[in-house]
Amino acid sequence: MSPYTGALITQPRERARGVAFQPKDERKLPDISTAQADLEVRDRDAEQKGKSKIYADERRGAKYSDVDIGDTVLVKQEKTDKLTTPFNTTPHKVVGKAGSQVVVESPTSKIFKKHHMGKEIHQRS
């Protein structure tokens, strides 16, 4: 062998670099999560989501519907031409309400449900 041949042979290392060459017990990540920290994170997340919801509702001008059972409302209708009014001229009566969904009865006694109903009719005094 020439004196330069020994320089090309790699020397054995105590430990190879990288996770793939480590023993199994050294590959495990330390367990840092605790139940208390998890609850704190969830509480903070819920608080931040609530704040962002309030902000978004204010920006959109969102408000709760003041339509109650027994009110008279006008129902939106599909626009077929330029002269069609946005609301049906026949007043409907609210017979039920569940969340944002409203159950309406027309004068011809047809009952149907709508999410986005229309306008409440206010009686003039």
Foldseek 3Di string as FASTA:
>chain_A
DDPCVVVPDDDDDPFDDDLVRDDPVVNDDDDDDDPVVVVVVVVVVVVVVVVVVVVVCVVVVDDDDPDDAFFKFWFADDDDDDPDDRTDPFIWGFHDDDGQKTWIAGPVGDIDIDNCGHGTDDDDD
